[in-house]
Amino acid sequence: MADNHAFDIVSEINDVEMHNAVTQALHEISVRYDFKGTKAGLEYNKKENTLTFTADHKAQLDAVIMVLKERMAKRGVAVNALKRGKIEEATHDSVREVVTLHRGVEADDARKIVKQIKQLGVKVQAQIMDDKVRVTGKKIDDLQAVIAYLKEHGPAYPIQFVNFT
C-alpha cells in the first residue's frame, strides 16, 4: 500500500473545445438574422486568454456573449470561466468588452481553499504550489471528502481535481 495519496486542485480550460465554441459562435453570429448588417462579433486571443466582443449596443453585446456561452456549454467548457470586463465605447457608435478566461487558482482563493480544508477536520495536508493546490493524505476516503466539500463550497470559477496518486 502507498504511504500517501495526493491530488492537485487546478483551474484549466480545454483550449481545443474553447476554440471550437468560438468558431461555432462566430458562425451563428454570421448567419443570424438579428445580427445581419451589424458590428456584432468576437475575437479570441489564445496567447492572452482574452475574448473581445463588439456590438452596436449593450443589448446586442449581451446577445453575442449569450451565443458564446451556449456554445461553450454544449462543448463542455465551463461558462463561469469567463471574467467579464468593463464595457467601453468603440469607434463608429459601437461598444466593446474584453472578457478574460480564468486559468489557475488565484493566490487569495488558494489560501481560502487551504483554510477550508484545515477546518474540515480530516487528516490531510494542503499546500499551495504556484497556481494550484496539492492535497496529500494517507486515506483515499479523506481525499474524496475534500473533493466533495470543494465541489459544493469551492470558488466561483471552475476547478478540477487532477494527478491522483
N, C-alpha and C. Protein backbone atom coordinates (compact mmCIF):
# COMPACT_ATOMS: atom_id res chain seq x y z
N MET A 1 0.83 -1.19 0.00
CA MET A 1 0.00 0.00 0.00
C MET A 1 0.87 1.24 0.00
N ALA A 2 0.43 2.26 -0.70
CA ALA A 2 1.19 3.50 -0.74
C ALA A 2 1.07 4.24 0.58
N ASP A 3 2.13 4.97 0.92
CA ASP A 3 2.12 5.73 2.16
C ASP A 3 1.15 6.91 2.09
N ASN A 4 1.28 7.69 1.05
CA ASN A 4 0.44 8.88 0.90
C ASN A 4 -0.21 8.91 -0.47
N HIS A 5 -1.41 9.42 -0.49
CA HIS A 5 -2.13 9.66 -1.74
C HIS A 5 -2.24 11.17 -1.90
N ALA A 6 -2.37 11.62 -3.15
CA ALA A 6 -2.41 13.07 -3.39
C ALA A 6 -3.21 13.38 -4.64
N PHE A 7 -3.64 14.62 -4.73
CA PHE A 7 -4.22 15.16 -5.95
C PHE A 7 -3.98 16.66 -5.98
N ASP A 8 -4.13 17.26 -7.16
CA ASP A 8 -3.94 18.69 -7.33
C ASP A 8 -5.29 19.34 -7.65
N ILE A 9 -5.48 20.54 -7.13
CA ILE A 9 -6.65 21.35 -7.45
C ILE A 9 -6.18 22.42 -8.43
N VAL A 10 -6.73 22.41 -9.63
CA VAL A 10 -6.34 23.36 -10.68
C VAL A 10 -7.57 24.00 -11.30
N SER A 11 -7.35 25.04 -12.08
CA SER A 11 -8.42 25.66 -12.85
C SER A 11 -7.91 25.81 -14.28
N GLU A 12 -8.43 24.98 -15.17
CA GLU A 12 -7.98 24.97 -16.56
C GLU A 12 -9.18 24.93 -17.50
N ILE A 13 -8.90 25.26 -18.75
CA ILE A 13 -9.92 25.20 -19.80
C ILE A 13 -9.34 24.38 -20.95
N ASN A 14 -10.16 23.56 -21.55
CA ASN A 14 -9.75 22.79 -22.72
C ASN A 14 -9.66 23.76 -23.91
N ASP A 15 -8.44 24.04 -24.34
CA ASP A 15 -8.22 25.03 -25.40
C ASP A 15 -8.88 24.65 -26.72
N VAL A 16 -8.85 23.37 -27.07
CA VAL A 16 -9.43 22.92 -28.33
C VAL A 16 -10.94 23.13 -28.32
N GLU A 17 -11.58 22.74 -27.23
CA GLU A 17 -13.03 22.91 -27.14
C GLU A 17 -13.42 24.39 -27.10
N MET A 18 -12.59 25.21 -26.45
CA MET A 18 -12.87 26.64 -26.42
C MET A 18 -12.78 27.23 -27.82
N HIS A 19 -11.76 26.83 -28.58
CA HIS A 19 -11.61 27.28 -29.96
C HIS A 19 -12.82 26.86 -30.80
N ASN A 20 -13.26 25.62 -30.61
CA ASN A 20 -14.42 25.13 -31.36
C ASN A 20 -15.69 25.92 -30.99
N ALA A 21 -15.84 26.24 -29.70
CA ALA A 21 -17.01 27.01 -29.26
C ALA A 21 -17.00 28.40 -29.89
N VAL A 22 -15.82 29.03 -29.94
CA VAL A 22 -15.70 30.36 -30.56
C VAL A 22 -16.03 30.27 -32.05
N THR A 23 -15.51 29.26 -32.73
CA THR A 23 -15.77 29.09 -34.16
C THR A 23 -17.27 28.91 -34.43
N GLN A 24 -17.92 28.08 -33.61
CA GLN A 24 -19.36 27.86 -33.78
C GLN A 24 -20.15 29.14 -33.49
N ALA A 25 -19.73 29.88 -32.47
CA ALA A 25 -20.42 31.14 -32.14
C ALA A 25 -20.26 32.14 -33.27
N LEU A 26 -19.06 32.24 -33.83
CA LEU A 26 -18.84 33.15 -34.96
C LEU A 26 -19.73 32.79 -36.15
N HIS A 27 -19.87 31.48 -36.39
CA HIS A 27 -20.72 31.05 -37.49
C HIS A 27 -22.18 31.44 -37.23
N GLU A 28 -22.66 31.21 -36.00
CA GLU A 28 -24.04 31.57 -35.69
C GLU A 28 -24.27 33.07 -35.80
N ILE A 29 -23.29 33.86 -35.35
CA ILE A 29 -23.41 35.32 -35.44
C ILE A 29 -23.48 35.75 -36.90
N SER A 30 -22.74 35.08 -37.77
CA SER A 30 -22.72 35.48 -39.19
C SER A 30 -24.02 35.12 -39.91
N VAL A 31 -24.77 34.15 -39.43
CA VAL A 31 -25.97 33.73 -40.15
C VAL A 31 -27.27 34.16 -39.47
N ARG A 32 -27.21 34.64 -38.24
CA ARG A 32 -28.45 35.03 -37.54
C ARG A 32 -29.01 36.32 -38.11
N TYR A 33 -30.31 36.34 -38.27
CA TYR A 33 -30.97 37.48 -38.89
C TYR A 33 -30.81 38.76 -38.08
N ASP A 34 -30.91 38.67 -36.75
CA ASP A 34 -30.83 39.87 -35.92
C ASP A 34 -29.43 40.47 -35.86
N PHE A 35 -28.41 39.75 -36.35
CA PHE A 35 -27.05 40.28 -36.38
C PHE A 35 -26.64 40.73 -37.79
N LYS A 36 -27.50 40.56 -38.78
CA LYS A 36 -27.17 40.95 -40.16
C LYS A 36 -26.96 42.45 -40.26
N GLY A 37 -25.87 42.87 -40.88
CA GLY A 37 -25.59 44.27 -41.10
C GLY A 37 -25.17 45.04 -39.86
N THR A 38 -24.77 44.34 -38.81
CA THR A 38 -24.33 45.00 -37.58
C THR A 38 -22.85 44.74 -37.35
N LYS A 39 -22.33 45.36 -36.31
CA LYS A 39 -20.93 45.18 -35.97
C LYS A 39 -20.72 44.06 -34.96
N ALA A 40 -21.71 43.21 -34.78
CA ALA A 40 -21.63 42.12 -33.80
C ALA A 40 -20.54 41.13 -34.19
N GLY A 41 -19.68 40.80 -33.23
CA GLY A 41 -18.62 39.84 -33.48
C GLY A 41 -17.79 39.59 -32.25
N LEU A 42 -16.83 38.69 -32.40
CA LEU A 42 -15.91 38.41 -31.30
C LEU A 42 -14.58 37.94 -31.85
N GLU A 43 -13.53 38.21 -31.07
CA GLU A 43 -12.17 37.76 -31.41
C GLU A 43 -11.62 36.99 -30.23
N TYR A 44 -10.91 35.91 -30.51
CA TYR A 44 -10.31 35.07 -29.47
C TYR A 44 -8.80 35.18 -29.55
N ASN A 45 -8.17 35.67 -28.49
CA ASN A 45 -6.71 35.77 -28.42
C ASN A 45 -6.21 34.68 -27.49
N LYS A 46 -5.66 33.61 -28.07
CA LYS A 46 -5.24 32.45 -27.26
C LYS A 46 -4.05 32.77 -26.36
N LYS A 47 -3.13 33.59 -26.84
CA LYS A 47 -1.93 33.90 -26.05
C LYS A 47 -2.27 34.64 -24.77
N GLU A 48 -3.19 35.61 -24.87
CA GLU A 48 -3.54 36.42 -23.71
C GLU A 48 -4.78 35.91 -22.98
N ASN A 49 -5.38 34.82 -23.48
CA ASN A 49 -6.60 34.25 -22.90
C ASN A 49 -7.71 35.28 -22.79
N THR A 50 -7.94 36.03 -23.86
CA THR A 50 -8.99 37.04 -23.85
C THR A 50 -9.93 36.87 -25.04
N LEU A 51 -11.14 37.32 -24.85
CA LEU A 51 -12.14 37.39 -25.90
C LEU A 51 -12.57 38.84 -26.00
N THR A 52 -12.61 39.40 -27.20
CA THR A 52 -13.05 40.77 -27.40
C THR A 52 -14.37 40.74 -28.16
N PHE A 53 -15.42 41.20 -27.50
CA PHE A 53 -16.75 41.25 -28.10
C PHE A 53 -17.02 42.66 -28.61
N THR A 54 -17.64 42.77 -29.77
CA THR A 54 -18.05 44.06 -30.30
C THR A 54 -19.52 43.96 -30.73
N ALA A 55 -20.22 45.08 -30.60
CA ALA A 55 -21.63 45.13 -30.99
C ALA A 55 -22.06 46.58 -31.16
N ASP A 56 -23.27 46.78 -31.69
CA ASP A 56 -23.79 48.13 -31.89
C ASP A 56 -24.24 48.77 -30.58
N HIS A 57 -24.76 47.97 -29.66
CA HIS A 57 -25.24 48.48 -28.38
C HIS A 57 -25.14 47.39 -27.32
N LYS A 58 -25.39 47.76 -26.07
CA LYS A 58 -25.19 46.85 -24.94
C LYS A 58 -26.07 45.60 -25.03
N ALA A 59 -27.32 45.75 -25.42
CA ALA A 59 -28.22 44.60 -25.52
C ALA A 59 -27.71 43.60 -26.55
N GLN A 60 -27.20 44.11 -27.67
CA GLN A 60 -26.66 43.23 -28.69
C GLN A 60 -25.38 42.56 -28.21
N LEU A 61 -24.59 43.30 -27.44
CA LEU A 61 -23.36 42.74 -26.86
C LEU A 61 -23.71 41.57 -25.94
N ASP A 62 -24.73 41.74 -25.11
CA ASP A 62 -25.17 40.66 -24.23
C ASP A 62 -25.66 39.45 -25.03
N ALA A 63 -26.31 39.70 -26.17
CA ALA A 63 -26.78 38.61 -27.02
C ALA A 63 -25.61 37.83 -27.62
N VAL A 64 -24.56 38.55 -28.02
CA VAL A 64 -23.37 37.89 -28.58
C VAL A 64 -22.69 37.03 -27.50
N ILE A 65 -22.59 37.57 -26.29
CA ILE A 65 -21.98 36.81 -25.19
C ILE A 65 -22.82 35.58 -24.88
N MET A 66 -24.14 35.71 -24.93
CA MET A 66 -25.03 34.58 -24.67
C MET A 66 -24.84 33.48 -25.72
N VAL A 67 -24.65 33.88 -26.98
CA VAL A 67 -24.40 32.90 -28.04
C VAL A 67 -23.14 32.11 -27.72
N LEU A 68 -22.07 32.79 -27.31
CA LEU A 68 -20.83 32.09 -26.97
C LEU A 68 -21.04 31.18 -25.77
N LYS A 69 -21.74 31.65 -24.75
CA LYS A 69 -21.97 30.84 -23.55
C LYS A 69 -22.73 29.55 -23.89
N GLU A 70 -23.71 29.66 -24.79
CA GLU A 70 -24.46 28.47 -25.22
C GLU A 70 -23.54 27.47 -25.91
N ARG A 71 -22.66 27.98 -26.77
CA ARG A 71 -21.73 27.10 -27.48
C ARG A 71 -20.72 26.47 -26.51
N MET A 72 -20.27 27.26 -25.54
CA MET A 72 -19.33 26.73 -24.55
C MET A 72 -19.98 25.60 -23.74
N ALA A 73 -21.22 25.81 -23.34
CA ALA A 73 -21.92 24.79 -22.56
C ALA A 73 -22.10 23.51 -23.36
N LYS A 74 -22.43 23.64 -24.64
CA LYS A 74 -22.60 22.45 -25.49
C LYS A 74 -21.29 21.70 -25.69
N ARG A 75 -20.17 22.42 -25.68
CA ARG A 75 -18.86 21.80 -25.89
C ARG A 75 -18.22 21.33 -24.58
N GLY A 76 -18.88 21.55 -23.45
CA GLY A 76 -18.35 21.10 -22.18
C GLY A 76 -17.32 22.02 -21.55
N VAL A 77 -17.29 23.28 -21.98
CA VAL A 77 -16.38 24.26 -21.40
C VAL A 77 -17.15 25.03 -20.33
N ALA A 78 -16.56 25.19 -19.16
CA ALA A 78 -17.24 25.85 -18.05
C ALA A 78 -17.53 27.32 -18.39
N VAL A 79 -18.79 27.70 -18.31
CA VAL A 79 -19.21 29.06 -18.65
C VAL A 79 -18.73 30.05 -17.60
N ASN A 80 -18.61 29.61 -16.34
CA ASN A 80 -18.19 30.54 -15.29
C ASN A 80 -16.69 30.82 -15.32
N ALA A 81 -15.99 30.34 -16.34
CA ALA A 81 -14.58 30.68 -16.51
C ALA A 81 -14.40 32.05 -17.15
N LEU A 82 -15.49 32.64 -17.62
CA LEU A 82 -15.42 33.96 -18.24
C LEU A 82 -15.46 35.03 -17.15
N LYS A 83 -14.47 35.93 -17.18
CA LYS A 83 -14.45 37.08 -16.27
C LYS A 83 -14.74 38.32 -17.12
N ARG A 84 -15.93 38.85 -16.95
CA ARG A 84 -16.33 39.99 -17.77
C ARG A 84 -15.59 41.24 -17.37
N GLY A 85 -15.30 42.05 -18.37
CA GLY A 85 -14.60 43.31 -18.16
C GLY A 85 -15.57 44.48 -18.23
N LYS A 86 -15.02 45.65 -18.40
CA LYS A 86 -15.82 46.87 -18.46
C LYS A 86 -16.25 47.11 -19.91
N ILE A 87 -17.49 47.50 -20.08
CA ILE A 87 -18.00 47.83 -21.42
C ILE A 87 -17.51 49.23 -21.77
N GLU A 88 -16.87 49.34 -22.92
CA GLU A 88 -16.31 50.63 -23.33
C GLU A 88 -16.84 51.02 -24.70
N GLU A 89 -16.86 52.31 -24.95
CA GLU A 89 -17.29 52.82 -26.25
C GLU A 89 -16.19 52.57 -27.27
N ALA A 90 -16.58 52.08 -28.44
CA ALA A 90 -15.62 51.85 -29.52
C ALA A 90 -15.94 52.81 -30.66
N THR A 91 -15.27 52.67 -31.76
CA THR A 91 -15.47 53.58 -32.89
C THR A 91 -16.80 53.32 -33.59
N HIS A 92 -17.29 54.33 -34.30
CA HIS A 92 -18.50 54.24 -35.13
C HIS A 92 -19.72 53.80 -34.34
N ASP A 93 -19.96 54.42 -33.20
CA ASP A 93 -21.16 54.16 -32.38
C ASP A 93 -21.32 52.68 -32.01
N SER A 94 -20.25 52.04 -31.63
CA SER A 94 -20.35 50.64 -31.21
C SER A 94 -19.75 50.50 -29.80
N VAL A 95 -19.98 49.35 -29.19
CA VAL A 95 -19.43 49.08 -27.86
C VAL A 95 -18.54 47.84 -27.93
N ARG A 96 -17.62 47.76 -26.97
CA ARG A 96 -16.66 46.66 -26.95
C ARG A 96 -16.49 46.22 -25.49
N GLU A 97 -16.26 44.93 -25.31
CA GLU A 97 -15.96 44.39 -23.97
C GLU A 97 -14.89 43.32 -24.11
N VAL A 98 -13.89 43.43 -23.25
CA VAL A 98 -12.82 42.43 -23.23
C VAL A 98 -13.10 41.50 -22.05
N VAL A 99 -13.25 40.22 -22.36
CA VAL A 99 -13.53 39.20 -21.36
C VAL A 99 -12.31 38.28 -21.26
N THR A 100 -11.85 38.01 -20.04
CA THR A 100 -10.70 37.13 -19.85
C THR A 100 -11.17 35.74 -19.44
N LEU A 101 -10.40 34.75 -19.83
CA LEU A 101 -10.66 33.37 -19.44
C LEU A 101 -9.86 33.05 -18.19
N HIS A 102 -10.51 32.50 -17.21
CA HIS A 102 -9.84 32.24 -15.94
C HIS A 102 -8.98 30.99 -16.04
N ARG A 103 -7.71 31.12 -15.64
CA ARG A 103 -6.78 29.98 -15.60
C ARG A 103 -5.97 30.05 -14.32
N GLY A 104 -5.79 28.91 -13.69
CA GLY A 104 -5.00 28.84 -12.47
C GLY A 104 -5.81 29.26 -11.25
N VAL A 105 -5.43 28.72 -10.10
CA VAL A 105 -6.09 29.08 -8.84
C VAL A 105 -5.41 30.35 -8.33
N GLU A 106 -6.20 31.39 -8.10
CA GLU A 106 -5.64 32.66 -7.63
C GLU A 106 -5.10 32.49 -6.21
N ALA A 107 -4.11 33.30 -5.85
CA ALA A 107 -3.42 33.18 -4.56
C ALA A 107 -4.39 33.32 -3.38
N ASP A 108 -5.27 34.31 -3.44
CA ASP A 108 -6.23 34.51 -2.35
C ASP A 108 -7.16 33.31 -2.21
N ASP A 109 -7.63 32.81 -3.35
CA ASP A 109 -8.52 31.65 -3.32
C ASP A 109 -7.78 30.40 -2.86
N ALA A 110 -6.50 30.28 -3.22
CA ALA A 110 -5.72 29.13 -2.78
C ALA A 110 -5.60 29.14 -1.25
N ARG A 111 -5.37 30.31 -0.68
CA ARG A 111 -5.30 30.40 0.79
C ARG A 111 -6.64 30.05 1.43
N LYS A 112 -7.74 30.50 0.82
CA LYS A 112 -9.07 30.17 1.34
C LYS A 112 -9.33 28.67 1.26
N ILE A 113 -8.92 28.05 0.14
CA ILE A 113 -9.11 26.61 -0.03
C ILE A 113 -8.33 25.85 1.04
N VAL A 114 -7.07 26.24 1.28
CA VAL A 114 -6.26 25.58 2.30
C VAL A 114 -6.92 25.74 3.67
N LYS A 115 -7.42 26.92 3.95
CA LYS A 115 -8.09 27.18 5.23
C LYS A 115 -9.35 26.32 5.37
N GLN A 116 -10.14 26.21 4.30
CA GLN A 116 -11.34 25.40 4.33
C GLN A 116 -11.01 23.93 4.57
N ILE A 117 -9.94 23.46 3.93
CA ILE A 117 -9.54 22.05 4.09
C ILE A 117 -9.13 21.78 5.54
N LYS A 118 -8.39 22.72 6.13
CA LYS A 118 -7.98 22.55 7.53
C LYS A 118 -9.19 22.54 8.46
N GLN A 119 -10.20 23.35 8.17
CA GLN A 119 -11.39 23.41 9.02
C GLN A 119 -12.27 22.17 8.88
N LEU A 120 -12.07 21.39 7.83
CA LEU A 120 -12.86 20.17 7.65
C LEU A 120 -12.59 19.15 8.76
N GLY A 121 -11.37 19.13 9.26
CA GLY A 121 -11.03 18.20 10.33
C GLY A 121 -10.61 16.83 9.84
N VAL A 122 -10.32 16.67 8.56
CA VAL A 122 -9.81 15.39 8.06
C VAL A 122 -8.29 15.44 8.07
N LYS A 123 -7.69 14.27 8.10
CA LYS A 123 -6.23 14.20 8.21
C LYS A 123 -5.58 14.27 6.82
N VAL A 124 -5.53 15.49 6.30
CA VAL A 124 -4.86 15.75 5.02
C VAL A 124 -4.04 17.03 5.16
N GLN A 125 -3.05 17.17 4.29
CA GLN A 125 -2.25 18.38 4.25
C GLN A 125 -2.49 19.04 2.89
N ALA A 126 -2.61 20.36 2.91
CA ALA A 126 -2.79 21.12 1.68
C ALA A 126 -1.69 22.16 1.58
N GLN A 127 -1.08 22.26 0.40
CA GLN A 127 -0.04 23.26 0.21
C GLN A 127 -0.21 23.92 -1.15
N ILE A 128 0.13 25.20 -1.20
CA ILE A 128 -0.01 25.99 -2.42
C ILE A 128 1.26 25.83 -3.25
N MET A 129 1.07 25.48 -4.52
CA MET A 129 2.19 25.32 -5.45
C MET A 129 1.88 26.12 -6.71
N ASP A 130 2.48 27.31 -6.83
CA ASP A 130 2.25 28.22 -7.96
C ASP A 130 0.76 28.51 -8.12
N ASP A 131 0.15 28.01 -9.21
CA ASP A 131 -1.26 28.30 -9.45
C ASP A 131 -2.15 27.07 -9.23
N LYS A 132 -1.70 26.18 -8.33
CA LYS A 132 -2.51 25.02 -7.96
C LYS A 132 -2.32 24.72 -6.48
N VAL A 133 -3.17 23.85 -5.97
CA VAL A 133 -3.09 23.44 -4.57
C VAL A 133 -2.95 21.92 -4.54
N ARG A 134 -1.95 21.43 -3.85
CA ARG A 134 -1.74 19.99 -3.72
C ARG A 134 -2.27 19.54 -2.37
N VAL A 135 -3.06 18.47 -2.39
CA VAL A 135 -3.64 17.90 -1.18
C VAL A 135 -3.11 16.48 -1.05
N THR A 136 -2.53 16.15 0.13
CA THR A 136 -2.00 14.81 0.37
C THR A 136 -2.61 14.26 1.65
N GLY A 137 -2.74 12.94 1.69
CA GLY A 137 -3.27 12.29 2.88
C GLY A 137 -3.05 10.78 2.78
N LYS A 138 -3.19 10.10 3.90
CA LYS A 138 -2.98 8.66 3.94
C LYS A 138 -4.19 7.88 3.43
N LYS A 139 -5.40 8.40 3.67
CA LYS A 139 -6.61 7.68 3.30
C LYS A 139 -7.26 8.32 2.08
N ILE A 140 -7.64 7.48 1.13
CA ILE A 140 -8.32 7.96 -0.07
C ILE A 140 -9.68 8.54 0.30
N ASP A 141 -10.32 7.96 1.31
CA ASP A 141 -11.64 8.47 1.73
C ASP A 141 -11.55 9.93 2.20
N ASP A 142 -10.46 10.28 2.89
CA ASP A 142 -10.28 11.66 3.32
C ASP A 142 -10.14 12.60 2.13
N LEU A 143 -9.40 12.15 1.11
CA LEU A 143 -9.23 12.97 -0.10
C LEU A 143 -10.57 13.14 -0.82
N GLN A 144 -11.36 12.07 -0.86
CA GLN A 144 -12.66 12.15 -1.51
C GLN A 144 -13.60 13.08 -0.75
N ALA A 145 -13.46 13.12 0.58
CA ALA A 145 -14.28 14.04 1.38
C ALA A 145 -13.91 15.49 1.06
N VAL A 146 -12.62 15.76 0.85
CA VAL A 146 -12.17 17.10 0.49
C VAL A 146 -12.73 17.50 -0.88
N ILE A 147 -12.67 16.57 -1.83
CA ILE A 147 -13.20 16.84 -3.17
C ILE A 147 -14.69 17.14 -3.11
N ALA A 148 -15.44 16.33 -2.39
CA ALA A 148 -16.88 16.54 -2.28
C ALA A 148 -17.19 17.89 -1.65
N TYR A 149 -16.44 18.26 -0.63
CA TYR A 149 -16.65 19.56 0.03
C TYR A 149 -16.36 20.71 -0.92
N LEU A 150 -15.24 20.63 -1.65
CA LEU A 150 -14.85 21.72 -2.54
C LEU A 150 -15.78 21.85 -3.75
N LYS A 151 -16.38 20.75 -4.17
CA LYS A 151 -17.36 20.84 -5.26
C LYS A 151 -18.56 21.66 -4.82
N GLU A 152 -18.90 21.59 -3.55
CA GLU A 152 -20.04 22.35 -3.02
C GLU A 152 -19.65 23.78 -2.65
N HIS A 153 -18.49 23.95 -2.02
CA HIS A 153 -18.13 25.23 -1.41
C HIS A 153 -16.88 25.87 -2.01
N GLY A 154 -16.49 25.48 -3.21
CA GLY A 154 -15.27 25.99 -3.82
C GLY A 154 -15.45 27.41 -4.36
N PRO A 155 -14.45 27.91 -5.07
CA PRO A 155 -14.52 29.27 -5.63
C PRO A 155 -15.57 29.37 -6.74
N ALA A 156 -15.83 30.61 -7.16
CA ALA A 156 -16.87 30.87 -8.17
C ALA A 156 -16.47 30.37 -9.56
N TYR A 157 -15.19 30.26 -9.82
CA TYR A 157 -14.74 29.79 -11.13
C TYR A 157 -14.55 28.26 -11.09
N PRO A 158 -14.45 27.63 -12.26
CA PRO A 158 -14.38 26.16 -12.29
C PRO A 158 -13.03 25.64 -11.77
N ILE A 159 -13.08 24.57 -11.00
CA ILE A 159 -11.86 23.90 -10.56
C ILE A 159 -11.93 22.43 -10.94
N GLN A 160 -10.76 21.84 -11.16
CA GLN A 160 -10.67 20.43 -11.49
C GLN A 160 -9.71 19.77 -10.50
N PHE A 161 -9.89 18.46 -10.35
CA PHE A 161 -9.05 17.67 -9.45
C PHE A 161 -8.28 16.68 -10.32
N VAL A 162 -6.94 16.84 -10.37
CA VAL A 162 -6.11 16.06 -11.29
C VAL A 162 -4.92 15.44 -10.55
N ASN A 163 -4.15 14.60 -11.25
CA ASN A 163 -2.92 13.99 -10.78
C ASN A 163 -3.11 13.15 -9.53
N PHE A 164 -4.09 12.25 -9.56
CA PHE A 164 -4.30 11.37 -8.41
C PHE A 164 -3.15 10.37 -8.31
N THR A 165 -2.60 10.24 -7.13
CA THR A 165 -1.56 9.23 -6.89
C THR A 165 -1.88 8.44 -5.65
